[in-house]
Amino acid sequence: MDVPPGKYRHYKDKDYEVLGVALHSETHEELVVYKMLYDAPDFPKGSFWVRPKKMFLEKVEVDGKQVPRFQKV
């Protein structure tokens, strides 16, 4: 499954912008590159993050329901 660039909402209601998918230089694992679209106490708006693609696309349990960790908006 692809992760197209664009705006995504985390299941905890925070917005991020996916920039693309990168490859780990040693393992070739696919990593989603994204940035925060909000200010947080420890990290400024615009901070860059990476997460394994498999984890980015997985579902998590919230109040007994399976929901996407990130959903394109």
PDB file of N, CA and C in Angstrom:
ATOM      1  N   MET A   1       0.845  -1.187   0.000  1.00  0.00           N
ATOM      2  CA  MET A   1       0.000   0.000   0.000  1.00  0.00           C
ATOM      3  C   MET A   1       0.886   1.245   0.000  1.00  0.00           C
ATOM      4  N   ASP A   2       0.545   2.187  -0.846  1.00  0.00           N
ATOM      5  CA  ASP A   2       1.297   3.440  -0.934  1.00  0.00           C
ATOM      6  C   ASP A   2       0.843   4.419   0.148  1.00  0.00           C
ATOM      7  N   VAL A   3       1.704   5.376   0.435  1.00  0.00           N
ATOM      8  CA  VAL A   3       1.381   6.470   1.351  1.00  0.00           C
ATOM      9  C   VAL A   3       1.588   7.759   0.561  1.00  0.00           C
ATOM     10  N   PRO A   4       0.531   8.241  -0.110  1.00  0.00           N
ATOM     11  CA  PRO A   4       0.700   9.453  -0.907  1.00  0.00           C
ATOM     12  C   PRO A   4       0.959  10.681  -0.028  1.00  0.00           C
ATOM     13  N   PRO A   5       1.724  11.628  -0.546  1.00  0.00           N
ATOM     14  CA  PRO A   5       1.940  12.870   0.195  1.00  0.00           C
ATOM     15  C   PRO A   5       0.616  13.577   0.470  1.00  0.00           C
ATOM     16  N   GLY A   6       0.613  14.352   1.529  1.00  0.00           N
ATOM     17  CA  GLY A   6      -0.577  15.131   1.868  1.00  0.00           C
ATOM     18  C   GLY A   6      -0.804  15.182   3.357  1.00  0.00           C
ATOM     19  N   LYS A   7      -1.947  15.716   3.723  1.00  0.00           N
ATOM     20  CA  LYS A   7      -2.298  15.915   5.129  1.00  0.00           C
ATOM     21  C   LYS A   7      -2.932  14.644   5.697  1.00  0.00           C
ATOM     22  N   TYR A   8      -2.482  14.275   6.910  1.00  0.00           N
ATOM     23  CA  TYR A   8      -2.993  13.100   7.610  1.00  0.00           C
ATOM     24  C   TYR A   8      -3.339  13.491   9.036  1.00  0.00           C
ATOM     25  N   ARG A   9      -4.316  12.806   9.602  1.00  0.00           N
ATOM     26  CA  ARG A   9      -4.677  13.022  11.000  1.00  0.00           C
ATOM     27  C   ARG A   9      -4.330  11.767  11.790  1.00  0.00           C
ATOM     28  N   HIS A  10      -3.584  11.961  12.875  1.00  0.00           N
ATOM     29  CA  HIS A  10      -3.239  10.888  13.800  1.00  0.00           C
ATOM     30  C   HIS A  10      -4.483  10.546  14.619  1.00  0.00           C
ATOM     31  N   TYR A  11      -4.577   9.321  15.085  1.00  0.00           N
ATOM     32  CA  TYR A  11      -5.763   8.912  15.838  1.00  0.00           C
ATOM     33  C   TYR A  11      -5.960   9.728  17.120  1.00  0.00           C
ATOM     34  N   LYS A  12      -4.923  10.425  17.578  1.00  0.00           N
ATOM     35  CA  LYS A  12      -5.050  11.296  18.751  1.00  0.00           C
ATOM     36  C   LYS A  12      -5.429  12.724  18.350  1.00  0.00           C
ATOM     37  N   ASP A  13      -5.894  12.888  17.104  1.00  0.00           N
ATOM     38  CA  ASP A  13      -6.434  14.153  16.589  1.00  0.00           C
ATOM     39  C   ASP A  13      -5.393  15.233  16.305  1.00  0.00           C
ATOM     40  N   LYS A  14      -4.174  14.866  16.000  1.00  0.00           N
ATOM     41  CA  LYS A  14      -3.145  15.833  15.612  1.00  0.00           C
ATOM     42  C   LYS A  14      -2.878  15.697  14.122  1.00  0.00           C
ATOM     43  N   ASP A  15      -2.608  16.817  13.453  1.00  0.00           N
ATOM     44  CA  ASP A  15      -2.397  16.815  12.007  1.00  0.00           C
ATOM     45  C   ASP A  15      -0.917  16.819  11.640  1.00  0.00           C
ATOM     46  N   TYR A  16      -0.626  16.098  10.560  1.00  0.00           N
ATOM     47  CA  TYR A  16       0.733  15.965  10.035  1.00  0.00           C
ATOM     48  C   TYR A  16       0.683  16.048   8.518  1.00  0.00           C
ATOM     49  N   GLU A  17       1.796  16.395   7.918  1.00  0.00           N
ATOM     50  CA  GLU A  17       1.917  16.381   6.467  1.00  0.00           C
ATOM     51  C   GLU A  17       2.945  15.328   6.065  1.00  0.00           C
ATOM     52  N   VAL A  18       2.496  14.345   5.297  1.00  0.00           N
ATOM     53  CA  VAL A  18       3.413  13.323   4.782  1.00  0.00           C
ATOM     54  C   VAL A  18       4.142  13.922   3.585  1.00  0.00           C
ATOM     55  N   LEU A  19       5.474  13.822   3.608  1.00  0.00           N
ATOM     56  CA  LEU A  19       6.308  14.337   2.521  1.00  0.00           C
ATOM     57  C   LEU A  19       6.649  13.239   1.525  1.00  0.00           C
ATOM     58  N   GLY A  20       6.735  11.999   2.012  1.00  0.00           N
ATOM     59  CA  GLY A  20       7.064  10.894   1.121  1.00  0.00           C
ATOM     60  C   GLY A  20       7.525   9.688   1.907  1.00  0.00           C
ATOM     61  N   VAL A  21       7.980   8.686   1.172  1.00  0.00           N
ATOM     62  CA  VAL A  21       8.493   7.454   1.770  1.00  0.00           C
ATOM     63  C   VAL A  21       9.971   7.351   1.410  1.00  0.00           C
ATOM     64  N   ALA A  22      10.805   7.131   2.425  1.00  0.00           N
ATOM     65  CA  ALA A  22      12.253   7.014   2.234  1.00  0.00           C
ATOM     66  C   ALA A  22      12.675   5.582   2.548  1.00  0.00           C
ATOM     67  N   LEU A  23      13.886   5.240   2.145  1.00  0.00           N
ATOM     68  CA  LEU A  23      14.443   3.927   2.446  1.00  0.00           C
ATOM     69  C   LEU A  23      15.561   4.069   3.472  1.00  0.00           C
ATOM     70  N   HIS A  24      15.552   3.198   4.463  1.00  0.00           N
ATOM     71  CA  HIS A  24      16.644   3.141   5.436  1.00  0.00           C
ATOM     72  C   HIS A  24      17.913   2.759   4.675  1.00  0.00           C
ATOM     73  N   SER A  25      19.004   3.442   4.929  1.00  0.00           N
ATOM     74  CA  SER A  25      20.233   3.248   4.149  1.00  0.00           C
ATOM     75  C   SER A  25      20.853   1.865   4.307  1.00  0.00           C
ATOM     76  N   GLU A  26      20.633   1.212   5.417  1.00  0.00           N
ATOM     77  CA  GLU A  26      21.238  -0.099   5.651  1.00  0.00           C
ATOM     78  C   GLU A  26      20.277  -1.258   5.386  1.00  0.00           C
ATOM     79  N   THR A  27      19.039  -1.110   5.852  1.00  0.00           N
ATOM     80  CA  THR A  27      18.087  -2.229   5.791  1.00  0.00           C
ATOM     81  C   THR A  27      17.119  -2.146   4.613  1.00  0.00           C
ATOM     82  N   HIS A  28      17.030  -0.980   4.005  1.00  0.00           N
ATOM     83  CA  HIS A  28      16.076  -0.695   2.930  1.00  0.00           C
ATOM     84  C   HIS A  28      14.630  -0.752   3.403  1.00  0.00           C
ATOM     85  N   GLU A  29      14.424  -0.693   4.713  1.00  0.00           N
ATOM     86  CA  GLU A  29      13.064  -0.617   5.258  1.00  0.00           C
ATOM     87  C   GLU A  29      12.437   0.704   4.809  1.00  0.00           C
ATOM     88  N   GLU A  30      11.174   0.662   4.426  1.00  0.00           N
ATOM     89  CA  GLU A  30      10.466   1.868   4.019  1.00  0.00           C
ATOM     90  C   GLU A  30      10.040   2.659   5.257  1.00  0.00           C
ATOM     91  N   LEU A  31      10.366   3.958   5.249  1.00  0.00           N
ATOM     92  CA  LEU A  31      10.050   4.865   6.348  1.00  0.00           C
ATOM     93  C   LEU A  31       9.231   6.033   5.817  1.00  0.00           C
ATOM     94  N   VAL A  32       8.141   6.337   6.482  1.00  0.00           N
ATOM     95  CA  VAL A  32       7.323   7.486   6.101  1.00  0.00           C
ATOM     96  C   VAL A  32       7.930   8.730   6.728  1.00  0.00           C
ATOM     97  N   VAL A  33       8.148   9.761   5.918  1.00  0.00           N
ATOM     98  CA  VAL A  33       8.704  11.035   6.377  1.00  0.00           C
ATOM     99  C   VAL A  33       7.546  12.027   6.462  1.00  0.00           C
ATOM    100  N   TYR A  34       7.366  12.607   7.657  1.00  0.00           N
ATOM    101  CA  TYR A  34       6.246  13.527   7.833  1.00  0.00           C
ATOM    102  C   TYR A  34       6.629  14.633   8.799  1.00  0.00           C
ATOM    103  N   LYS A  35       5.825  15.705   8.803  1.00  0.00           N
ATOM    104  CA  LYS A  35       6.121  16.804   9.713  1.00  0.00           C
ATOM    105  C   LYS A  35       4.867  17.217  10.474  1.00  0.00           C
ATOM    106  N   MET A  36       5.117  17.745  11.670  1.00  0.00           N
ATOM    107  CA  MET A  36       4.036  18.203  12.536  1.00  0.00           C
ATOM    108  C   MET A  36       3.428  19.487  11.979  1.00  0.00           C
ATOM    109  N   LEU A  37       2.103  19.581  12.069  1.00  0.00           N
ATOM    110  CA  LEU A  37       1.414  20.790  11.643  1.00  0.00           C
ATOM    111  C   LEU A  37       0.816  21.538  12.833  1.00  0.00           C
ATOM    112  N   TYR A  38       1.416  21.349  14.009  1.00  0.00           N
ATOM    113  CA  TYR A  38       0.937  22.006  15.221  1.00  0.00           C
ATOM    114  C   TYR A  38       2.126  22.239  16.148  1.00  0.00           C
ATOM    115  N   ASP A  39       1.962  23.137  17.098  1.00  0.00           N
ATOM    116  CA  ASP A  39       2.985  23.381  18.113  1.00  0.00           C
ATOM    117  C   ASP A  39       2.759  22.440  19.289  1.00  0.00           C
ATOM    118  N   ALA A  40       3.833  21.977  19.870  1.00  0.00           N
ATOM    119  CA  ALA A  40       3.773  21.117  21.050  1.00  0.00           C
ATOM    120  C   ALA A  40       4.803  21.633  22.054  1.00  0.00           C
ATOM    121  N   PRO A  41       4.631  21.295  23.326  1.00  0.00           N
ATOM    122  CA  PRO A  41       5.565  21.814  24.335  1.00  0.00           C
ATOM    123  C   PRO A  41       7.027  21.428  24.066  1.00  0.00           C
ATOM    124  N   ASP A  42       7.272  20.218  23.584  1.00  0.00           N
ATOM    125  CA  ASP A  42       8.647  19.750  23.406  1.00  0.00           C
ATOM    126  C   ASP A  42       9.182  19.860  21.994  1.00  0.00           C
ATOM    127  N   PHE A  43       8.285  20.073  21.006  1.00  0.00           N
ATOM    128  CA  PHE A  43       8.698  20.088  19.604  1.00  0.00           C
ATOM    129  C   PHE A  43       7.960  21.199  18.869  1.00  0.00           C
ATOM    130  N   PRO A  44       8.671  21.995  18.088  1.00  0.00           N
ATOM    131  CA  PRO A  44       8.008  23.085  17.371  1.00  0.00           C
ATOM    132  C   PRO A  44       7.245  22.592  16.137  1.00  0.00           C
ATOM    133  N   LYS A  45       6.256  23.362  15.745  1.00  0.00           N
ATOM    134  CA  LYS A  45       5.530  23.105  14.508  1.00  0.00           C
ATOM    135  C   LYS A  45       6.537  22.984  13.370  1.00  0.00           C
ATOM    136  N   GLY A  46       6.333  22.014  12.489  1.00  0.00           N
ATOM    137  CA  GLY A  46       7.241  21.819  11.369  1.00  0.00           C
ATOM    138  C   GLY A  46       8.345  20.810  11.635  1.00  0.00           C
ATOM    139  N   SER A  47       8.403  20.260  12.861  1.00  0.00           N
ATOM    140  CA  SER A  47       9.410  19.237  13.159  1.00  0.00           C
ATOM    141  C   SER A  47       9.198  18.021  12.262  1.00  0.00           C
ATOM    142  N   PHE A  48      10.300  17.442  11.789  1.00  0.00           N
ATOM    143  CA  PHE A  48      10.232  16.267  10.919  1.00  0.00           C
ATOM    144  C   PHE A  48      10.313  14.988  11.750  1.00  0.00           C
ATOM    145  N   TRP A  49       9.598  13.965  11.264  1.00  0.00           N
ATOM    146  CA  TRP A  49       9.547  12.670  11.920  1.00  0.00           C
ATOM    147  C   TRP A  49       9.621  11.575  10.874  1.00  0.00           C
ATOM    148  N   VAL A  50      10.051  10.399  11.279  1.00  0.00           N
ATOM    149  CA  VAL A  50       9.984   9.211  10.428  1.00  0.00           C
ATOM    150  C   VAL A  50       9.388   8.078  11.250  1.00  0.00           C
ATOM    151  N   ARG A  51       8.705   7.201  10.563  1.00  0.00           N
ATOM    152  CA  ARG A  51       8.095   6.044  11.204  1.00  0.00           C
ATOM    153  C   ARG A  51       8.087   4.928  10.174  1.00  0.00           C
ATOM    154  N   PRO A  52       8.353   3.691  10.582  1.00  0.00           N
ATOM    155  CA  PRO A  52       8.263   2.598   9.620  1.00  0.00           C
ATOM    156  C   PRO A  52       6.898   2.591   8.937  1.00  0.00           C
ATOM    157  N   LYS A  53       6.916   2.397   7.630  1.00  0.00           N
ATOM    158  CA  LYS A  53       5.676   2.423   6.847  1.00  0.00           C
ATOM    159  C   LYS A  53       4.646   1.451   7.399  1.00  0.00           C
ATOM    160  N   LYS A  54       5.096   0.265   7.760  1.00  0.00           N
ATOM    161  CA  LYS A  54       4.183  -0.748   8.306  1.00  0.00           C
ATOM    162  C   LYS A  54       3.469  -0.211   9.546  1.00  0.00           C
ATOM    163  N   MET A  55       4.198   0.467  10.424  1.00  0.00           N
ATOM    164  CA  MET A  55       3.607   1.034  11.641  1.00  0.00           C
ATOM    165  C   MET A  55       2.696   2.207  11.303  1.00  0.00           C
ATOM    166  N   PHE A  56       3.107   3.042  10.341  1.00  0.00           N
ATOM    167  CA  PHE A  56       2.300   4.190   9.938  1.00  0.00           C
ATOM    168  C   PHE A  56       0.928   3.736   9.463  1.00  0.00           C
ATOM    169  N   LEU A  57       0.880   2.627   8.736  1.00  0.00           N
ATOM    170  CA  LEU A  57      -0.365   2.141   8.131  1.00  0.00           C
ATOM    171  C   LEU A  57      -1.178   1.220   9.041  1.00  0.00           C
ATOM    172  N   GLU A  58      -0.617   0.809  10.175  1.00  0.00           N
ATOM    173  CA  GLU A  58      -1.330  -0.162  10.997  1.00  0.00           C
ATOM    174  C   GLU A  58      -2.515   0.464  11.727  1.00  0.00           C
ATOM    175  N   LYS A  59      -3.360  -0.419  12.241  1.00  0.00           N
ATOM    176  CA  LYS A  59      -4.487   0.014  13.058  1.00  0.00           C
ATOM    177  C   LYS A  59      -4.111  -0.133  14.523  1.00  0.00           C
ATOM    178  N   VAL A  60      -4.705   0.733  15.347  1.00  0.00           N
ATOM    179  CA  VAL A  60      -4.492   0.707  16.789  1.00  0.00           C
ATOM    180  C   VAL A  60      -5.853   0.598  17.466  1.00  0.00           C
ATOM    181  N   GLU A  61      -5.849   0.127  18.685  1.00  0.00           N
ATOM    182  CA  GLU A  61      -7.107  -0.018  19.410  1.00  0.00           C
ATOM    183  C   GLU A  61      -7.388   1.226  20.246  1.00  0.00           C
ATOM    184  N   VAL A  62      -8.580   1.795  20.044  1.00  0.00           N
ATOM    185  CA  VAL A  62      -9.021   2.966  20.799  1.00  0.00           C
ATOM    186  C   VAL A  62     -10.442   2.678  21.278  1.00  0.00           C
ATOM    187  N   ASP A  63     -10.632   2.674  22.570  1.00  0.00           N
ATOM    188  CA  ASP A  63     -11.956   2.398  23.156  1.00  0.00           C
ATOM    189  C   ASP A  63     -12.558   1.107  22.612  1.00  0.00           C
ATOM    190  N   GLY A  64     -11.723   0.093  22.478  1.00  0.00           N
ATOM    191  CA  GLY A  64     -12.192  -1.212  22.031  1.00  0.00           C
ATOM    192  C   GLY A  64     -12.397  -1.355  20.532  1.00  0.00           C
ATOM    193  N   LYS A  65     -12.079  -0.311  19.759  1.00  0.00           N
ATOM    194  CA  LYS A  65     -12.239  -0.347  18.297  1.00  0.00           C
ATOM    195  C   LYS A  65     -10.884  -0.251  17.621  1.00  0.00           C
ATOM    196  N   GLN A  66     -10.755  -0.901  16.477  1.00  0.00           N
ATOM    197  CA  GLN A  66      -9.557  -0.791  15.650  1.00  0.00           C
ATOM    198  C   GLN A  66      -9.710   0.405  14.713  1.00  0.00           C
ATOM    199  N   VAL A  67      -8.791   1.350  14.806  1.00  0.00           N
ATOM    200  CA  VAL A  67      -8.820   2.542  13.954  1.00  0.00           C
ATOM    201  C   VAL A  67      -7.448   2.739  13.331  1.00  0.00           C
ATOM    202  N   PRO A  68      -7.372   3.384  12.162  1.00  0.00           N
ATOM    203  CA  PRO A  68      -6.060   3.653  11.556  1.00  0.00           C
ATOM    204  C   PRO A  68      -5.229   4.572  12.446  1.00  0.00           C
ATOM    205  N   ARG A  69      -3.927   4.285  12.535  1.00  0.00           N
ATOM    206  CA  ARG A  69      -3.031   5.182  13.290  1.00  0.00           C
ATOM    207  C   ARG A  69      -3.026   6.563  12.630  1.00  0.00           C
ATOM    208  N   PHE A  70      -2.949   6.606  11.305  1.00  0.00           N
ATOM    209  CA  PHE A  70      -3.016   7.850  10.535  1.00  0.00           C
ATOM    210  C   PHE A  70      -4.050   7.686   9.444  1.00  0.00           C
ATOM    211  N   GLN A  71      -4.814   8.748   9.189  1.00  0.00           N
ATOM    212  CA  GLN A  71      -5.803   8.709   8.107  1.00  0.00           C
ATOM    213  C   GLN A  71      -5.662   9.971   7.263  1.00  0.00           C
ATOM    214  N   LYS A  72      -5.650   9.794   5.952  1.00  0.00           N
ATOM    215  CA  LYS A  72      -5.526  10.931   5.036  1.00  0.00           C
ATOM    216  C   LYS A  72      -6.784  11.788   5.136  1.00  0.00           C
ATOM    217  N   VAL A  73      -6.584  13.106   5.191  1.00  0.00           N
ATOM    218  CA  VAL A  73      -7.726  14.036   5.264  1.00  0.00           C
ATOM    219  C   VAL A  73      -7.720  14.988   4.092  1.00  0.00           C
TER     220      VAL A  73
END
